[in-house]
Amino acid sequence: MTKLLLSLHVLAALVAVGPVTVAASMFPATLRRASGDGDARTTLRTLHRICRVYAGIGIAVPLFGLATASSLGVLGDTWLITSILLTAAAAGVLTLLILPAQDRALAETTSSTSPSPAPISSTPGRLAMITGIFNLLWATVTVLMIIRPGSTTGA
């Protein structure tokens, strides 16, 4: 059962987190090109939809992860607790910073009125920085999942 749960956890991470990471990373560069470019605005909408939909699917990653950790008996291990905290931080960055900034940027690029000054959180540079933090959080979680400091599972 543990191998099945671990397989589902890894597959969920690849299928859900991968697309969000790529789409969120592409959004700021596309946003820079969006003014006056209908194709770029269409691409922005698509990238934002990918981020929203796969963020929802991404709930499966920690659920399968917790089930796997429970079956391995490692719920109290420091590396796992750190991973849980970093995962929660990544989810918070995505939900509270990236998705709302993408929403605002989309609204500004598609509005027919004269554009108002962009809030600092939706400027391409700021959004790229926030997305980079999100990506670093996930990269750190991935490394912790592979290295598992202090793990006694032998893998």
N, C-alpha and C. Protein backbone atom coordinates (compact mmCIF):
# COMPACT_ATOMS: atom_id res chain seq x y z
N MET A 1 0.81 -1.19 0.00
CA MET A 1 0.00 0.00 0.00
C MET A 1 0.87 1.27 0.00
N THR A 2 1.99 1.21 0.72
CA THR A 2 2.88 2.37 0.80
C THR A 2 3.41 2.74 -0.57
N LYS A 3 3.77 1.74 -1.35
CA LYS A 3 4.30 2.03 -2.69
C LYS A 3 3.24 2.65 -3.59
N LEU A 4 2.02 2.21 -3.46
CA LEU A 4 0.93 2.81 -4.23
C LEU A 4 0.73 4.27 -3.82
N LEU A 5 0.68 4.53 -2.52
CA LEU A 5 0.50 5.91 -2.04
C LEU A 5 1.66 6.80 -2.47
N LEU A 6 2.89 6.28 -2.38
CA LEU A 6 4.05 7.06 -2.80
C LEU A 6 3.99 7.34 -4.30
N SER A 7 3.59 6.36 -5.07
CA SER A 7 3.46 6.56 -6.52
C SER A 7 2.41 7.62 -6.83
N LEU A 8 1.27 7.56 -6.15
CA LEU A 8 0.23 8.56 -6.36
C LEU A 8 0.69 9.95 -5.92
N HIS A 9 1.44 10.02 -4.84
CA HIS A 9 1.97 11.29 -4.36
C HIS A 9 2.92 11.91 -5.39
N VAL A 10 3.84 11.12 -5.90
CA VAL A 10 4.80 11.62 -6.89
C VAL A 10 4.09 12.00 -8.19
N LEU A 11 3.17 11.17 -8.64
CA LEU A 11 2.42 11.48 -9.87
C LEU A 11 1.59 12.76 -9.70
N ALA A 12 0.95 12.91 -8.55
CA ALA A 12 0.17 14.13 -8.31
C ALA A 12 1.08 15.35 -8.32
N ALA A 13 2.26 15.23 -7.74
CA ALA A 13 3.21 16.35 -7.74
C ALA A 13 3.64 16.70 -9.16
N LEU A 14 3.93 15.70 -9.95
CA LEU A 14 4.35 15.96 -11.33
C LEU A 14 3.23 16.57 -12.17
N VAL A 15 2.05 15.99 -12.04
CA VAL A 15 0.92 16.43 -12.87
C VAL A 15 0.36 17.77 -12.41
N ALA A 16 0.35 18.05 -11.11
CA ALA A 16 -0.27 19.28 -10.62
C ALA A 16 0.72 20.42 -10.43
N VAL A 17 1.81 20.17 -9.75
CA VAL A 17 2.74 21.24 -9.43
C VAL A 17 3.56 21.65 -10.66
N GLY A 18 3.92 20.70 -11.48
CA GLY A 18 4.71 21.02 -12.68
C GLY A 18 4.05 22.06 -13.58
N PRO A 19 2.80 21.85 -13.99
CA PRO A 19 2.15 22.84 -14.85
C PRO A 19 1.99 24.21 -14.19
N VAL A 20 1.70 24.24 -12.89
CA VAL A 20 1.57 25.52 -12.19
C VAL A 20 2.92 26.24 -12.21
N THR A 21 3.98 25.52 -11.93
CA THR A 21 5.31 26.12 -11.91
C THR A 21 5.67 26.71 -13.26
N VAL A 22 5.43 25.96 -14.32
CA VAL A 22 5.77 26.44 -15.67
C VAL A 22 4.87 27.60 -16.08
N ALA A 23 3.56 27.46 -15.90
CA ALA A 23 2.63 28.51 -16.32
C ALA A 23 2.85 29.80 -15.53
N ALA A 24 3.04 29.68 -14.22
CA ALA A 24 3.27 30.87 -13.40
C ALA A 24 4.58 31.55 -13.79
N SER A 25 5.59 30.76 -14.15
CA SER A 25 6.87 31.32 -14.57
C SER A 25 6.78 32.03 -15.92
N MET A 26 5.93 31.56 -16.80
CA MET A 26 5.77 32.17 -18.12
C MET A 26 4.92 33.44 -18.07
N PHE A 27 4.06 33.57 -17.07
CA PHE A 27 3.11 34.67 -17.00
C PHE A 27 3.77 36.05 -17.01
N PRO A 28 4.79 36.33 -16.17
CA PRO A 28 5.36 37.68 -16.16
C PRO A 28 5.95 38.12 -17.50
N ALA A 29 6.65 37.22 -18.17
CA ALA A 29 7.24 37.57 -19.46
C ALA A 29 6.15 37.85 -20.50
N THR A 30 5.10 37.07 -20.47
CA THR A 30 3.98 37.28 -21.38
C THR A 30 3.26 38.58 -21.04
N LEU A 31 3.17 38.90 -19.76
CA LEU A 31 2.54 40.14 -19.32
C LEU A 31 3.29 41.35 -19.87
N ARG A 32 4.60 41.27 -19.94
CA ARG A 32 5.39 42.38 -20.49
C ARG A 32 5.03 42.65 -21.95
N ARG A 33 4.67 41.62 -22.68
CA ARG A 33 4.34 41.75 -24.11
C ARG A 33 2.87 42.02 -24.36
N ALA A 34 2.04 41.99 -23.32
CA ALA A 34 0.59 41.97 -23.50
C ALA A 34 -0.02 43.27 -23.96
N SER A 35 0.57 44.41 -23.68
CA SER A 35 -0.09 45.66 -24.06
C SER A 35 -0.18 45.77 -25.57
N GLY A 36 -1.41 45.80 -26.06
CA GLY A 36 -1.65 45.93 -27.50
C GLY A 36 -1.49 44.64 -28.28
N ASP A 37 -1.22 43.55 -27.63
CA ASP A 37 -1.02 42.27 -28.32
C ASP A 37 -2.11 41.30 -27.89
N GLY A 38 -3.09 41.08 -28.78
CA GLY A 38 -4.21 40.20 -28.48
C GLY A 38 -3.79 38.77 -28.23
N ASP A 39 -2.78 38.30 -28.97
CA ASP A 39 -2.30 36.93 -28.75
C ASP A 39 -1.69 36.76 -27.37
N ALA A 40 -0.95 37.76 -26.93
CA ALA A 40 -0.35 37.69 -25.59
C ALA A 40 -1.43 37.69 -24.51
N ARG A 41 -2.50 38.46 -24.72
CA ARG A 41 -3.58 38.47 -23.74
C ARG A 41 -4.28 37.11 -23.69
N THR A 42 -4.45 36.49 -24.83
CA THR A 42 -5.04 35.14 -24.86
C THR A 42 -4.13 34.16 -24.13
N THR A 43 -2.84 34.28 -24.36
CA THR A 43 -1.88 33.42 -23.67
C THR A 43 -1.93 33.65 -22.17
N LEU A 44 -2.03 34.91 -21.75
CA LEU A 44 -2.15 35.22 -20.32
C LEU A 44 -3.36 34.54 -19.70
N ARG A 45 -4.49 34.61 -20.38
CA ARG A 45 -5.70 33.96 -19.85
C ARG A 45 -5.49 32.45 -19.73
N THR A 46 -4.84 31.87 -20.72
CA THR A 46 -4.59 30.43 -20.68
C THR A 46 -3.64 30.06 -19.54
N LEU A 47 -2.57 30.83 -19.38
CA LEU A 47 -1.62 30.56 -18.30
C LEU A 47 -2.28 30.70 -16.93
N HIS A 48 -3.12 31.71 -16.79
CA HIS A 48 -3.81 31.91 -15.52
C HIS A 48 -4.79 30.76 -15.24
N ARG A 49 -5.48 30.33 -16.26
CA ARG A 49 -6.41 29.19 -16.09
C ARG A 49 -5.65 27.93 -15.68
N ILE A 50 -4.50 27.69 -16.29
CA ILE A 50 -3.68 26.54 -15.91
C ILE A 50 -3.29 26.65 -14.44
N CYS A 51 -2.87 27.83 -14.02
CA CYS A 51 -2.48 28.02 -12.61
C CYS A 51 -3.64 27.75 -11.67
N ARG A 52 -4.81 28.27 -11.99
CA ARG A 52 -5.98 28.08 -11.12
C ARG A 52 -6.42 26.63 -11.06
N VAL A 53 -6.57 26.00 -12.22
CA VAL A 53 -7.09 24.63 -12.27
C VAL A 53 -6.12 23.66 -11.60
N TYR A 54 -4.84 23.77 -11.95
CA TYR A 54 -3.88 22.82 -11.40
C TYR A 54 -3.56 23.11 -9.93
N ALA A 55 -3.77 24.34 -9.48
CA ALA A 55 -3.64 24.62 -8.05
C ALA A 55 -4.70 23.83 -7.28
N GLY A 56 -5.90 23.76 -7.83
CA GLY A 56 -6.96 22.97 -7.21
C GLY A 56 -6.63 21.48 -7.20
N ILE A 57 -6.12 21.00 -8.31
CA ILE A 57 -5.73 19.59 -8.39
C ILE A 57 -4.56 19.31 -7.44
N GLY A 58 -3.73 20.33 -7.21
CA GLY A 58 -2.55 20.19 -6.35
C GLY A 58 -2.86 19.83 -4.91
N ILE A 59 -4.10 19.98 -4.50
CA ILE A 59 -4.49 19.58 -3.13
C ILE A 59 -4.18 18.10 -2.92
N ALA A 60 -4.20 17.33 -4.00
CA ALA A 60 -3.93 15.89 -3.89
C ALA A 60 -2.50 15.61 -3.44
N VAL A 61 -1.57 16.51 -3.75
CA VAL A 61 -0.16 16.25 -3.42
C VAL A 61 0.04 16.11 -1.91
N PRO A 62 -0.34 17.10 -1.10
CA PRO A 62 -0.14 16.89 0.34
C PRO A 62 -1.02 15.79 0.93
N LEU A 63 -2.20 15.58 0.36
CA LEU A 63 -3.05 14.51 0.88
C LEU A 63 -2.40 13.14 0.70
N PHE A 64 -1.91 12.87 -0.51
CA PHE A 64 -1.20 11.61 -0.75
C PHE A 64 0.11 11.57 0.03
N GLY A 65 0.74 12.73 0.18
CA GLY A 65 1.98 12.79 0.94
C GLY A 65 1.78 12.44 2.41
N LEU A 66 0.73 12.98 3.00
CA LEU A 66 0.45 12.67 4.40
C LEU A 66 0.08 11.19 4.58
N ALA A 67 -0.69 10.66 3.64
CA ALA A 67 -1.04 9.24 3.69
C ALA A 67 0.22 8.37 3.58
N THR A 68 1.12 8.76 2.69
CA THR A 68 2.37 8.02 2.51
C THR A 68 3.22 8.10 3.78
N ALA A 69 3.35 9.30 4.33
CA ALA A 69 4.16 9.49 5.55
C ALA A 69 3.58 8.70 6.71
N SER A 70 2.26 8.67 6.79
CA SER A 70 1.63 7.90 7.85
C SER A 70 1.93 6.42 7.71
N SER A 71 1.84 5.91 6.48
CA SER A 71 2.11 4.48 6.27
C SER A 71 3.58 4.13 6.49
N LEU A 72 4.47 5.12 6.30
CA LEU A 72 5.90 4.89 6.56
C LEU A 72 6.25 5.13 8.03
N GLY A 73 5.34 5.74 8.78
CA GLY A 73 5.60 6.03 10.18
C GLY A 73 6.60 7.17 10.40
N VAL A 74 6.60 8.16 9.51
CA VAL A 74 7.57 9.25 9.60
C VAL A 74 6.90 10.61 9.84
N LEU A 75 5.66 10.61 10.30
CA LEU A 75 4.94 11.87 10.48
C LEU A 75 5.63 12.85 11.43
N GLY A 76 6.42 12.36 12.36
CA GLY A 76 7.09 13.24 13.32
C GLY A 76 8.50 13.63 12.93
N ASP A 77 8.97 13.14 11.78
CA ASP A 77 10.35 13.44 11.38
C ASP A 77 10.51 14.91 10.98
N THR A 78 11.64 15.46 11.34
CA THR A 78 11.91 16.88 11.10
C THR A 78 11.84 17.23 9.62
N TRP A 79 12.41 16.39 8.76
CA TRP A 79 12.42 16.69 7.33
C TRP A 79 11.00 16.75 6.78
N LEU A 80 10.12 15.92 7.31
CA LEU A 80 8.74 15.92 6.84
C LEU A 80 7.98 17.14 7.36
N ILE A 81 8.17 17.47 8.61
CA ILE A 81 7.52 18.66 9.17
C ILE A 81 7.98 19.91 8.41
N THR A 82 9.28 19.98 8.13
CA THR A 82 9.81 21.10 7.34
C THR A 82 9.17 21.14 5.96
N SER A 83 9.04 19.98 5.33
CA SER A 83 8.41 19.91 4.01
C SER A 83 6.96 20.35 4.06
N ILE A 84 6.26 19.96 5.10
CA ILE A 84 4.85 20.36 5.25
C ILE A 84 4.75 21.88 5.38
N LEU A 85 5.62 22.46 6.20
CA LEU A 85 5.61 23.91 6.38
C LEU A 85 5.95 24.64 5.08
N LEU A 86 6.94 24.14 4.35
CA LEU A 86 7.31 24.75 3.07
C LEU A 86 6.20 24.59 2.03
N THR A 87 5.52 23.45 2.05
CA THR A 87 4.39 23.24 1.14
C THR A 87 3.26 24.21 1.46
N ALA A 88 2.99 24.39 2.74
CA ALA A 88 1.96 25.36 3.14
C ALA A 88 2.35 26.77 2.72
N ALA A 89 3.64 27.10 2.86
CA ALA A 89 4.11 28.42 2.43
C ALA A 89 3.95 28.58 0.92
N ALA A 90 4.29 27.55 0.15
CA ALA A 90 4.14 27.61 -1.31
C ALA A 90 2.67 27.76 -1.69
N ALA A 91 1.80 27.03 -1.02
CA ALA A 91 0.37 27.15 -1.29
C ALA A 91 -0.12 28.56 -0.97
N GLY A 92 0.37 29.12 0.13
CA GLY A 92 0.00 30.48 0.50
C GLY A 92 0.47 31.50 -0.52
N VAL A 93 1.70 31.36 -0.98
CA VAL A 93 2.24 32.28 -1.99
C VAL A 93 1.40 32.20 -3.26
N LEU A 94 1.06 30.99 -3.67
CA LEU A 94 0.25 30.82 -4.88
C LEU A 94 -1.14 31.42 -4.71
N THR A 95 -1.79 31.05 -3.61
CA THR A 95 -3.18 31.44 -3.39
C THR A 95 -3.34 32.91 -3.04
N LEU A 96 -2.45 33.43 -2.22
CA LEU A 96 -2.61 34.80 -1.72
C LEU A 96 -1.87 35.86 -2.52
N LEU A 97 -0.85 35.46 -3.26
CA LEU A 97 -0.05 36.46 -3.99
C LEU A 97 -0.10 36.28 -5.51
N ILE A 98 0.22 35.09 -5.99
CA ILE A 98 0.36 34.90 -7.44
C ILE A 98 -0.99 34.96 -8.15
N LEU A 99 -1.95 34.15 -7.73
CA LEU A 99 -3.24 34.13 -8.43
C LEU A 99 -3.96 35.48 -8.38
N PRO A 100 -4.01 36.17 -7.23
CA PRO A 100 -4.64 37.50 -7.25
C PRO A 100 -3.90 38.51 -8.13
N ALA A 101 -2.57 38.45 -8.14
CA ALA A 101 -1.80 39.36 -8.99
C ALA A 101 -2.06 39.07 -10.46
N GLN A 102 -2.19 37.79 -10.80
CA GLN A 102 -2.52 37.43 -12.18
C GLN A 102 -3.92 37.94 -12.54
N ASP A 103 -4.87 37.80 -11.60
CA ASP A 103 -6.22 38.31 -11.83
C ASP A 103 -6.19 39.82 -12.12
N ARG A 104 -5.46 40.56 -11.29
CA ARG A 104 -5.38 42.01 -11.48
C ARG A 104 -4.72 42.35 -12.81
N ALA A 105 -3.66 41.65 -13.14
CA ALA A 105 -2.95 41.92 -14.39
C ALA A 105 -3.86 41.63 -15.59
N LEU A 106 -4.61 40.55 -15.52
CA LEU A 106 -5.55 40.24 -16.60
C LEU A 106 -6.61 41.31 -16.74
N ALA A 107 -7.14 41.76 -15.61
CA ALA A 107 -8.16 42.80 -15.64
C ALA A 107 -7.61 44.08 -16.26
N GLU A 108 -6.38 44.41 -15.93
CA GLU A 108 -5.76 45.63 -16.47
C GLU A 108 -5.45 45.52 -17.95
N THR A 109 -5.05 44.34 -18.42
CA THR A 109 -4.70 44.20 -19.83
C THR A 109 -5.93 44.08 -20.72
N THR A 110 -7.06 43.65 -20.13
CA THR A 110 -8.26 43.48 -20.95
C THR A 110 -9.24 44.63 -20.82
N SER A 111 -8.98 45.57 -19.89
CA SER A 111 -9.91 46.68 -19.73
C SER A 111 -9.79 47.63 -20.92
N SER A 112 -10.92 48.18 -21.33
CA SER A 112 -10.92 49.09 -22.48
C SER A 112 -10.62 50.52 -22.06
N THR A 113 -10.65 50.79 -20.75
CA THR A 113 -10.35 52.14 -20.29
C THR A 113 -8.85 52.34 -20.24
N SER A 114 -8.46 53.56 -20.04
CA SER A 114 -7.02 53.82 -19.97
C SER A 114 -6.46 53.12 -18.74
N PRO A 115 -5.32 52.47 -18.89
CA PRO A 115 -4.79 51.68 -17.78
C PRO A 115 -4.36 52.58 -16.62
N SER A 116 -4.77 52.15 -15.43
CA SER A 116 -4.33 52.85 -14.23
C SER A 116 -2.97 52.29 -13.84
N PRO A 117 -2.24 52.99 -12.99
CA PRO A 117 -0.96 52.44 -12.56
C PRO A 117 -1.17 51.08 -11.90
N ALA A 118 -0.36 50.13 -12.29
CA ALA A 118 -0.52 48.77 -11.77
C ALA A 118 -0.13 48.70 -10.31
N PRO A 119 -0.90 47.96 -9.52
CA PRO A 119 -0.46 47.75 -8.14
C PRO A 119 0.88 47.05 -8.15
N ILE A 120 1.68 47.31 -7.15
CA ILE A 120 3.04 46.78 -7.16
C ILE A 120 3.08 45.26 -7.27
N SER A 121 2.06 44.58 -6.73
CA SER A 121 2.09 43.12 -6.76
C SER A 121 1.77 42.54 -8.13
N SER A 122 1.23 43.35 -9.07
CA SER A 122 0.92 42.79 -10.37
C SER A 122 1.87 43.27 -11.46
N THR A 123 2.91 44.02 -11.10
CA THR A 123 3.89 44.39 -12.11
C THR A 123 4.67 43.13 -12.50
N PRO A 124 5.10 43.05 -13.76
CA PRO A 124 5.78 41.83 -14.20
C PRO A 124 7.00 41.46 -13.35
N GLY A 125 7.82 42.45 -12.99
CA GLY A 125 9.01 42.14 -12.19
C GLY A 125 8.68 41.60 -10.82
N ARG A 126 7.70 42.22 -10.17
CA ARG A 126 7.29 41.78 -8.84
C ARG A 126 6.65 40.39 -8.92
N LEU A 127 5.83 40.18 -9.92
CA LEU A 127 5.19 38.87 -10.10
C LEU A 127 6.24 37.79 -10.40
N ALA A 128 7.25 38.13 -11.18
CA ALA A 128 8.33 37.18 -11.46
C ALA A 128 9.08 36.81 -10.18
N MET A 129 9.31 37.80 -9.32
CA MET A 129 10.00 37.54 -8.06
C MET A 129 9.17 36.62 -7.16
N ILE A 130 7.88 36.91 -7.04
CA ILE A 130 7.00 36.09 -6.20
C ILE A 130 6.93 34.66 -6.75
N THR A 131 6.85 34.55 -8.06
CA THR A 131 6.83 33.22 -8.69
C THR A 131 8.14 32.48 -8.46
N GLY A 132 9.24 33.19 -8.49
CA GLY A 132 10.54 32.58 -8.19
C GLY A 132 10.59 32.03 -6.78
N ILE A 133 10.02 32.77 -5.84
CA ILE A 133 9.96 32.29 -4.45
C ILE A 133 9.11 31.02 -4.37
N PHE A 134 7.97 31.03 -5.05
CA PHE A 134 7.11 29.84 -5.11
C PHE A 134 7.90 28.64 -5.66
N ASN A 135 8.61 28.86 -6.75
CA ASN A 135 9.39 27.78 -7.36
C ASN A 135 10.50 27.28 -6.44
N LEU A 136 11.17 28.20 -5.75
CA LEU A 136 12.22 27.79 -4.81
C LEU A 136 11.66 26.98 -3.64
N LEU A 137 10.49 27.35 -3.18
CA LEU A 137 9.85 26.58 -2.10
C LEU A 137 9.60 25.15 -2.56
N TRP A 138 9.06 24.99 -3.77
CA TRP A 138 8.79 23.64 -4.27
C TRP A 138 10.07 22.88 -4.54
N ALA A 139 11.09 23.55 -5.03
CA ALA A 139 12.38 22.88 -5.27
C ALA A 139 12.96 22.38 -3.95
N THR A 140 12.85 23.18 -2.91
CA THR A 140 13.36 22.78 -1.60
C THR A 140 12.59 21.58 -1.06
N VAL A 141 11.28 21.59 -1.21
CA VAL A 141 10.47 20.44 -0.79
C VAL A 141 10.89 19.19 -1.56
N THR A 142 11.10 19.33 -2.85
CA THR A 142 11.51 18.19 -3.67
C THR A 142 12.84 17.62 -3.18
N VAL A 143 13.80 18.49 -2.91
CA VAL A 143 15.11 18.03 -2.41
C VAL A 143 14.94 17.32 -1.07
N LEU A 144 14.15 17.90 -0.18
CA LEU A 144 13.92 17.25 1.11
C LEU A 144 13.27 15.88 0.94
N MET A 145 12.35 15.76 0.00
CA MET A 145 11.68 14.48 -0.23
C MET A 145 12.67 13.43 -0.76
N ILE A 146 13.66 13.87 -1.49
CA ILE A 146 14.64 12.93 -2.05
C ILE A 146 15.71 12.58 -1.02
N ILE A 147 16.24 13.59 -0.35
CA ILE A 147 17.33 13.37 0.60
C ILE A 147 16.84 12.78 1.91
N ARG A 148 15.72 13.28 2.42
CA ARG A 148 15.12 12.84 3.68
C ARG A 148 16.16 12.71 4.79
N PRO A 149 16.68 13.84 5.25
CA PRO A 149 17.70 13.78 6.31
C PRO A 149 17.17 13.05 7.54
N GLY A 150 17.96 12.12 8.04
CA GLY A 150 17.58 11.37 9.23
C GLY A 150 16.58 10.25 8.95
N SER A 151 16.26 10.02 7.68
CA SER A 151 15.29 8.99 7.37
C SER A 151 15.83 7.61 7.73
N THR A 152 14.96 6.78 8.21
CA THR A 152 15.34 5.42 8.57
C THR A 152 14.70 4.39 7.62
N THR A 153 14.15 4.87 6.51
CA THR A 153 13.48 3.94 5.60
C THR A 153 14.46 3.23 4.69
N GLY A 154 15.72 3.63 4.67
CA GLY A 154 16.73 2.92 3.90
C GLY A 154 16.80 3.30 2.44
N ALA A 155 15.93 4.18 1.97
CA ALA A 155 15.98 4.56 0.56
C ALA A 155 16.71 5.85 0.37
